[in-house]
Amino acid sequence: MLDGRERKNIKSGMSVAIVLKQDQGSGLLTDGIVRDILTKSATHPHGIKVRLMSREVGRVKEIY
């Protein structure tokens, strides 16, 4: 399975599950399609930050 903490694994148009800022405590995941990759670094310990087609922003936890 691809790791959501590595930027190279994430491309625009992919199906992913992200955790929104307000859901970090509960761990609730939101599914969507990647629109933009917001994290500039190659890796991030909590997941690469992306914007979905729905305009929601969060960190990638799962890649489908």
PDB file of N, CA and C in Angstrom:
ATOM      1  N   MET A   1       0.841  -1.190   0.000  1.00  0.00           N
ATOM      2  CA  MET A   1       0.000   0.000   0.000  1.00  0.00           C
ATOM      3  C   MET A   1       0.886   1.254   0.000  1.00  0.00           C
ATOM      4  N   LEU A   2       0.484   2.262  -0.741  1.00  0.00           N
ATOM      5  CA  LEU A   2       1.265   3.498  -0.819  1.00  0.00           C
ATOM      6  C   LEU A   2       1.174   4.274   0.494  1.00  0.00           C
ATOM      7  N   ASP A   3       2.248   4.962   0.817  1.00  0.00           N
ATOM      8  CA  ASP A   3       2.355   5.711   2.069  1.00  0.00           C
ATOM      9  C   ASP A   3       1.945   7.168   1.845  1.00  0.00           C
ATOM     10  N   GLY A   4       0.929   7.624   2.580  1.00  0.00           N
ATOM     11  CA  GLY A   4       0.440   8.999   2.472  1.00  0.00           C
ATOM     12  C   GLY A   4       1.368  10.030   3.070  1.00  0.00           C
ATOM     13  N   ARG A   5       2.491   9.572   3.661  1.00  0.00           N
ATOM     14  CA  ARG A   5       3.472  10.513   4.219  1.00  0.00           C
ATOM     15  C   ARG A   5       4.537  10.897   3.206  1.00  0.00           C
ATOM     16  N   GLU A   6       4.487  10.286   2.002  1.00  0.00           N
ATOM     17  CA  GLU A   6       5.472  10.593   0.963  1.00  0.00           C
ATOM     18  C   GLU A   6       4.794  11.278  -0.219  1.00  0.00           C
ATOM     19  N   ARG A   7       5.304  12.460  -0.546  1.00  0.00           N
ATOM     20  CA  ARG A   7       4.695  13.278  -1.596  1.00  0.00           C
ATOM     21  C   ARG A   7       4.700  12.578  -2.961  1.00  0.00           C
ATOM     22  N   LYS A   8       5.750  11.795  -3.228  1.00  0.00           N
ATOM     23  CA  LYS A   8       5.881  11.136  -4.536  1.00  0.00           C
ATOM     24  C   LYS A   8       4.771  10.114  -4.794  1.00  0.00           C
ATOM     25  N   ASN A   9       4.092   9.653  -3.730  1.00  0.00           N
ATOM     26  CA  ASN A   9       3.028   8.656  -3.880  1.00  0.00           C
ATOM     27  C   ASN A   9       1.673   9.271  -4.226  1.00  0.00           C
ATOM     28  N   ILE A  10       1.584  10.589  -4.178  1.00  0.00           N
ATOM     29  CA  ILE A  10       0.292  11.262  -4.329  1.00  0.00           C
ATOM     30  C   ILE A  10       0.283  12.089  -5.603  1.00  0.00           C
ATOM     31  N   LYS A  11      -0.755  11.900  -6.408  1.00  0.00           N
ATOM     32  CA  LYS A  11      -0.899  12.649  -7.653  1.00  0.00           C
ATOM     33  C   LYS A  11      -2.305  13.224  -7.719  1.00  0.00           C
ATOM     34  N   SER A  12      -2.448  14.329  -8.419  1.00  0.00           N
ATOM     35  CA  SER A  12      -3.759  14.931  -8.642  1.00  0.00           C
ATOM     36  C   SER A  12      -4.656  13.911  -9.347  1.00  0.00           C
ATOM     37  N   GLY A  13      -5.901  13.781  -8.883  1.00  0.00           N
ATOM     38  CA  GLY A  13      -6.844  12.839  -9.487  1.00  0.00           C
ATOM     39  C   GLY A  13      -6.939  11.508  -8.763  1.00  0.00           C
ATOM     40  N   MET A  14      -6.059  11.264  -7.790  1.00  0.00           N
ATOM     41  CA  MET A  14      -6.094   9.998  -7.036  1.00  0.00           C
ATOM     42  C   MET A  14      -7.212  10.004  -6.000  1.00  0.00           C
ATOM     43  N   SER A  15      -7.733   8.818  -5.698  1.00  0.00           N
ATOM     44  CA  SER A  15      -8.692   8.662  -4.595  1.00  0.00           C
ATOM     45  C   SER A  15      -7.927   8.460  -3.305  1.00  0.00           C
ATOM     46  N   VAL A  16      -8.252   9.275  -2.306  1.00  0.00           N
ATOM     47  CA  VAL A  16      -7.564   9.200  -1.016  1.00  0.00           C
ATOM     48  C   VAL A  16      -8.565   9.364   0.124  1.00  0.00           C
ATOM     49  N   ALA A  17      -8.108   9.061   1.328  1.00  0.00           N
ATOM     50  CA  ALA A  17      -8.848   9.381   2.551  1.00  0.00           C
ATOM     51  C   ALA A  17      -7.974  10.341   3.340  1.00  0.00           C
ATOM     52  N   ILE A  18      -8.549  11.482   3.721  1.00  0.00           N
ATOM     53  CA  ILE A  18      -7.797  12.478   4.479  1.00  0.00           C
ATOM     54  C   ILE A  18      -8.431  12.664   5.848  1.00  0.00           C
ATOM     55  N   VAL A  19      -7.648  13.204   6.767  1.00  0.00           N
ATOM     56  CA  VAL A  19      -8.189  13.623   8.055  1.00  0.00           C
ATOM     57  C   VAL A  19      -8.208  15.150   8.033  1.00  0.00           C
ATOM     58  N   LEU A  20      -9.397  15.721   8.247  1.00  0.00           N
ATOM     59  CA  LEU A  20      -9.557  17.174   8.295  1.00  0.00           C
ATOM     60  C   LEU A  20      -9.028  17.682   9.629  1.00  0.00           C
ATOM     61  N   LYS A  21      -8.646  18.961   9.672  1.00  0.00           N
ATOM     62  CA  LYS A  21      -8.095  19.555  10.901  1.00  0.00           C
ATOM     63  C   LYS A  21      -9.034  19.313  12.091  1.00  0.00           C
ATOM     64  N   GLN A  22     -10.320  19.543  11.901  1.00  0.00           N
ATOM     65  CA  GLN A  22     -11.272  19.409  13.024  1.00  0.00           C
ATOM     66  C   GLN A  22     -11.520  17.952  13.414  1.00  0.00           C
ATOM     67  N   ASP A  23     -11.076  17.009  12.566  1.00  0.00           N
ATOM     68  CA  ASP A  23     -11.292  15.578  12.848  1.00  0.00           C
ATOM     69  C   ASP A  23     -10.029  14.895  13.380  1.00  0.00           C
ATOM     70  N   GLN A  24      -8.951  15.637  13.593  1.00  0.00           N
ATOM     71  CA  GLN A  24      -7.697  15.011  14.018  1.00  0.00           C
ATOM     72  C   GLN A  24      -7.839  14.291  15.357  1.00  0.00           C
ATOM     73  N   GLY A  25      -8.643  14.846  16.253  1.00  0.00           N
ATOM     74  CA  GLY A  25      -8.848  14.208  17.550  1.00  0.00           C
ATOM     75  C   GLY A  25      -9.601  12.891  17.448  1.00  0.00           C
ATOM     76  N   SER A  26     -10.635  12.872  16.590  1.00  0.00           N
ATOM     77  CA  SER A  26     -11.484  11.678  16.458  1.00  0.00           C
ATOM     78  C   SER A  26     -10.912  10.674  15.461  1.00  0.00           C
ATOM     79  N   GLY A  27     -10.067  11.152  14.545  1.00  0.00           N
ATOM     80  CA  GLY A  27      -9.511  10.263  13.521  1.00  0.00           C
ATOM     81  C   GLY A  27     -10.476   9.963  12.391  1.00  0.00           C
ATOM     82  N   LEU A  28     -11.596  10.706  12.318  1.00  0.00           N
ATOM     83  CA  LEU A  28     -12.584  10.515  11.253  1.00  0.00           C
ATOM     84  C   LEU A  28     -11.954  10.840   9.901  1.00  0.00           C
ATOM     85  N   LEU A  29     -12.117   9.936   8.928  1.00  0.00           N
ATOM     86  CA  LEU A  29     -11.525  10.138   7.603  1.00  0.00           C
ATOM     87  C   LEU A  29     -12.574  10.606   6.605  1.00  0.00           C
ATOM     88  N   THR A  30     -12.135  11.426   5.661  1.00  0.00           N
ATOM     89  CA  THR A  30     -12.983  11.945   4.594  1.00  0.00           C
ATOM     90  C   THR A  30     -12.419  11.469   3.269  1.00  0.00           C
ATOM     91  N   ASP A  31     -13.243  10.797   2.455  1.00  0.00           N
ATOM     92  CA  ASP A  31     -12.794  10.307   1.149  1.00  0.00           C
ATOM     93  C   ASP A  31     -12.953  11.394   0.093  1.00  0.00           C
ATOM     94  N   GLY A  32     -12.063  11.380  -0.890  1.00  0.00           N
ATOM     95  CA  GLY A  32     -12.187  12.333  -1.982  1.00  0.00           C
ATOM     96  C   GLY A  32     -11.111  12.140  -3.023  1.00  0.00           C
ATOM     97  N   ILE A  33     -11.147  13.021  -4.015  1.00  0.00           N
ATOM     98  CA  ILE A  33     -10.196  13.003  -5.121  1.00  0.00           C
ATOM     99  C   ILE A  33      -9.242  14.178  -4.943  1.00  0.00           C
ATOM    100  N   VAL A  34      -7.937  13.923  -5.063  1.00  0.00           N
ATOM    101  CA  VAL A  34      -6.932  14.975  -4.889  1.00  0.00           C
ATOM    102  C   VAL A  34      -7.049  16.011  -6.003  1.00  0.00           C
ATOM    103  N   ARG A  35      -7.126  17.290  -5.605  1.00  0.00           N
ATOM    104  CA  ARG A  35      -7.122  18.411  -6.545  1.00  0.00           C
ATOM    105  C   ARG A  35      -5.728  19.040  -6.579  1.00  0.00           C
ATOM    106  N   ASP A  36      -5.214  19.408  -5.389  1.00  0.00           N
ATOM    107  CA  ASP A  36      -3.895  20.049  -5.279  1.00  0.00           C
ATOM    108  C   ASP A  36      -3.112  19.415  -4.138  1.00  0.00           C
ATOM    109  N   ILE A  37      -1.790  19.361  -4.297  1.00  0.00           N
ATOM    110  CA  ILE A  37      -0.899  18.921  -3.220  1.00  0.00           C
ATOM    111  C   ILE A  37      -0.342  20.190  -2.579  1.00  0.00           C
ATOM    112  N   LEU A  38      -0.569  20.355  -1.282  1.00  0.00           N
ATOM    113  CA  LEU A  38      -0.203  21.595  -0.602  1.00  0.00           C
ATOM    114  C   LEU A  38       1.141  21.512   0.120  1.00  0.00           C
ATOM    115  N   THR A  39       1.538  20.314   0.542  1.00  0.00           N
ATOM    116  CA  THR A  39       2.831  20.152   1.223  1.00  0.00           C
ATOM    117  C   THR A  39       3.956  20.262   0.202  1.00  0.00           C
ATOM    118  N   LYS A  40       4.951  21.096   0.494  1.00  0.00           N
ATOM    119  CA  LYS A  40       6.072  21.292  -0.435  1.00  0.00           C
ATOM    120  C   LYS A  40       7.198  20.274  -0.210  1.00  0.00           C
ATOM    121  N   SER A  41       7.362  19.813   1.033  1.00  0.00           N
ATOM    122  CA  SER A  41       8.468  18.889   1.325  1.00  0.00           C
ATOM    123  C   SER A  41       8.165  17.485   0.788  1.00  0.00           C
ATOM    124  N   ALA A  42       9.207  16.672   0.658  1.00  0.00           N
ATOM    125  CA  ALA A  42       9.075  15.318   0.091  1.00  0.00           C
ATOM    126  C   ALA A  42       8.290  14.384   1.010  1.00  0.00           C
ATOM    127  N   THR A  43       8.409  14.610   2.327  1.00  0.00           N
ATOM    128  CA  THR A  43       7.695  13.761   3.287  1.00  0.00           C
ATOM    129  C   THR A  43       7.137  14.627   4.410  1.00  0.00           C
ATOM    130  N   HIS A  44       6.151  14.073   5.124  1.00  0.00           N
ATOM    131  CA  HIS A  44       5.619  14.725   6.321  1.00  0.00           C
ATOM    132  C   HIS A  44       5.158  13.630   7.274  1.00  0.00           C
ATOM    133  N   PRO A  45       5.557  13.689   8.561  1.00  0.00           N
ATOM    134  CA  PRO A  45       5.246  12.594   9.490  1.00  0.00           C
ATOM    135  C   PRO A  45       3.752  12.363   9.730  1.00  0.00           C
ATOM    136  N   HIS A  46       2.919  13.401   9.521  1.00  0.00           N
ATOM    137  CA  HIS A  46       1.472  13.244   9.759  1.00  0.00           C
ATOM    138  C   HIS A  46       0.681  13.062   8.466  1.00  0.00           C
ATOM    139  N   GLY A  47       1.372  13.029   7.343  1.00  0.00           N
ATOM    140  CA  GLY A  47       0.700  12.874   6.055  1.00  0.00           C
ATOM    141  C   GLY A  47       0.826  14.135   5.219  1.00  0.00           C
ATOM    142  N   ILE A  48       0.845  13.960   3.909  1.00  0.00           N
ATOM    143  CA  ILE A  48       0.961  15.079   2.982  1.00  0.00           C
ATOM    144  C   ILE A  48      -0.374  15.837   2.962  1.00  0.00           C
ATOM    145  N   LYS A  49      -0.309  17.156   3.046  1.00  0.00           N
ATOM    146  CA  LYS A  49      -1.533  17.966   3.038  1.00  0.00           C
ATOM    147  C   LYS A  49      -1.998  18.175   1.601  1.00  0.00           C
ATOM    148  N   VAL A  50      -3.276  17.906   1.344  1.00  0.00           N
ATOM    149  CA  VAL A  50      -3.853  18.057   0.005  1.00  0.00           C
ATOM    150  C   VAL A  50      -5.181  18.802   0.081  1.00  0.00           C
ATOM    151  N   ARG A  51      -5.584  19.343  -1.068  1.00  0.00           N
ATOM    152  CA  ARG A  51      -6.935  19.889  -1.227  1.00  0.00           C
ATOM    153  C   ARG A  51      -7.687  18.936  -2.135  1.00  0.00           C
ATOM    154  N   LEU A  52      -8.879  18.549  -1.735  1.00  0.00           N
ATOM    155  CA  LEU A  52      -9.716  17.653  -2.541  1.00  0.00           C
ATOM    156  C   LEU A  52     -10.526  18.450  -3.553  1.00  0.00           C
ATOM    157  N   MET A  53     -11.139  17.744  -4.498  1.00  0.00           N
ATOM    158  CA  MET A  53     -12.026  18.381  -5.477  1.00  0.00           C
ATOM    159  C   MET A  53     -13.169  19.122  -4.770  1.00  0.00           C
ATOM    160  N   SER A  54     -13.550  18.618  -3.587  1.00  0.00           N
ATOM    161  CA  SER A  54     -14.621  19.231  -2.793  1.00  0.00           C
ATOM    162  C   SER A  54     -14.150  20.492  -2.064  1.00  0.00           C
ATOM    163  N   ARG A  55     -12.855  20.848  -2.260  1.00  0.00           N
ATOM    164  CA  ARG A  55     -12.202  22.007  -1.628  1.00  0.00           C
ATOM    165  C   ARG A  55     -11.831  21.783  -0.160  1.00  0.00           C
ATOM    166  N   GLU A  56     -12.090  20.584   0.371  1.00  0.00           N
ATOM    167  CA  GLU A  56     -11.694  20.275   1.736  1.00  0.00           C
ATOM    168  C   GLU A  56     -10.178  20.066   1.771  1.00  0.00           C
ATOM    169  N   VAL A  57      -9.551  20.479   2.882  1.00  0.00           N
ATOM    170  CA  VAL A  57      -8.099  20.373   3.027  1.00  0.00           C
ATOM    171  C   VAL A  57      -7.791  19.478   4.231  1.00  0.00           C
ATOM    172  N   GLY A  58      -6.867  18.545   4.034  1.00  0.00           N
ATOM    173  CA  GLY A  58      -6.469  17.674   5.144  1.00  0.00           C
ATOM    174  C   GLY A  58      -5.241  16.881   4.778  1.00  0.00           C
ATOM    175  N   ARG A  59      -4.815  16.026   5.702  1.00  0.00           N
ATOM    176  CA  ARG A  59      -3.618  15.212   5.492  1.00  0.00           C
ATOM    177  C   ARG A  59      -3.994  13.796   5.057  1.00  0.00           C
ATOM    178  N   VAL A  60      -3.261  13.276   4.059  1.00  0.00           N
ATOM    179  CA  VAL A  60      -3.555  11.955   3.491  1.00  0.00           C
ATOM    180  C   VAL A  60      -3.228  10.866   4.514  1.00  0.00           C
ATOM    181  N   LYS A  61      -4.215  10.002   4.791  1.00  0.00           N
ATOM    182  CA  LYS A  61      -4.016   8.861   5.681  1.00  0.00           C
ATOM    183  C   LYS A  61      -4.054   7.552   4.891  1.00  0.00           C
ATOM    184  N   GLU A  62      -4.844   7.513   3.817  1.00  0.00           N
ATOM    185  CA  GLU A  62      -4.943   6.290   2.995  1.00  0.00           C
ATOM    186  C   GLU A  62      -4.989   6.694   1.535  1.00  0.00           C
ATOM    187  N   ILE A  63      -4.380   5.835   0.698  1.00  0.00           N
ATOM    188  CA  ILE A  63      -4.417   6.018  -0.764  1.00  0.00           C
ATOM    189  C   ILE A  63      -5.090   4.783  -1.345  1.00  0.00           C
ATOM    190  N   TYR A  64      -6.086   4.985  -2.205  1.00  0.00           N
ATOM    191  CA  TYR A  64      -6.823   3.852  -2.774  1.00  0.00           C
ATOM    192  C   TYR A  64      -6.356   3.530  -4.185  1.00  0.00           C
TER     193      TYR A  64
END
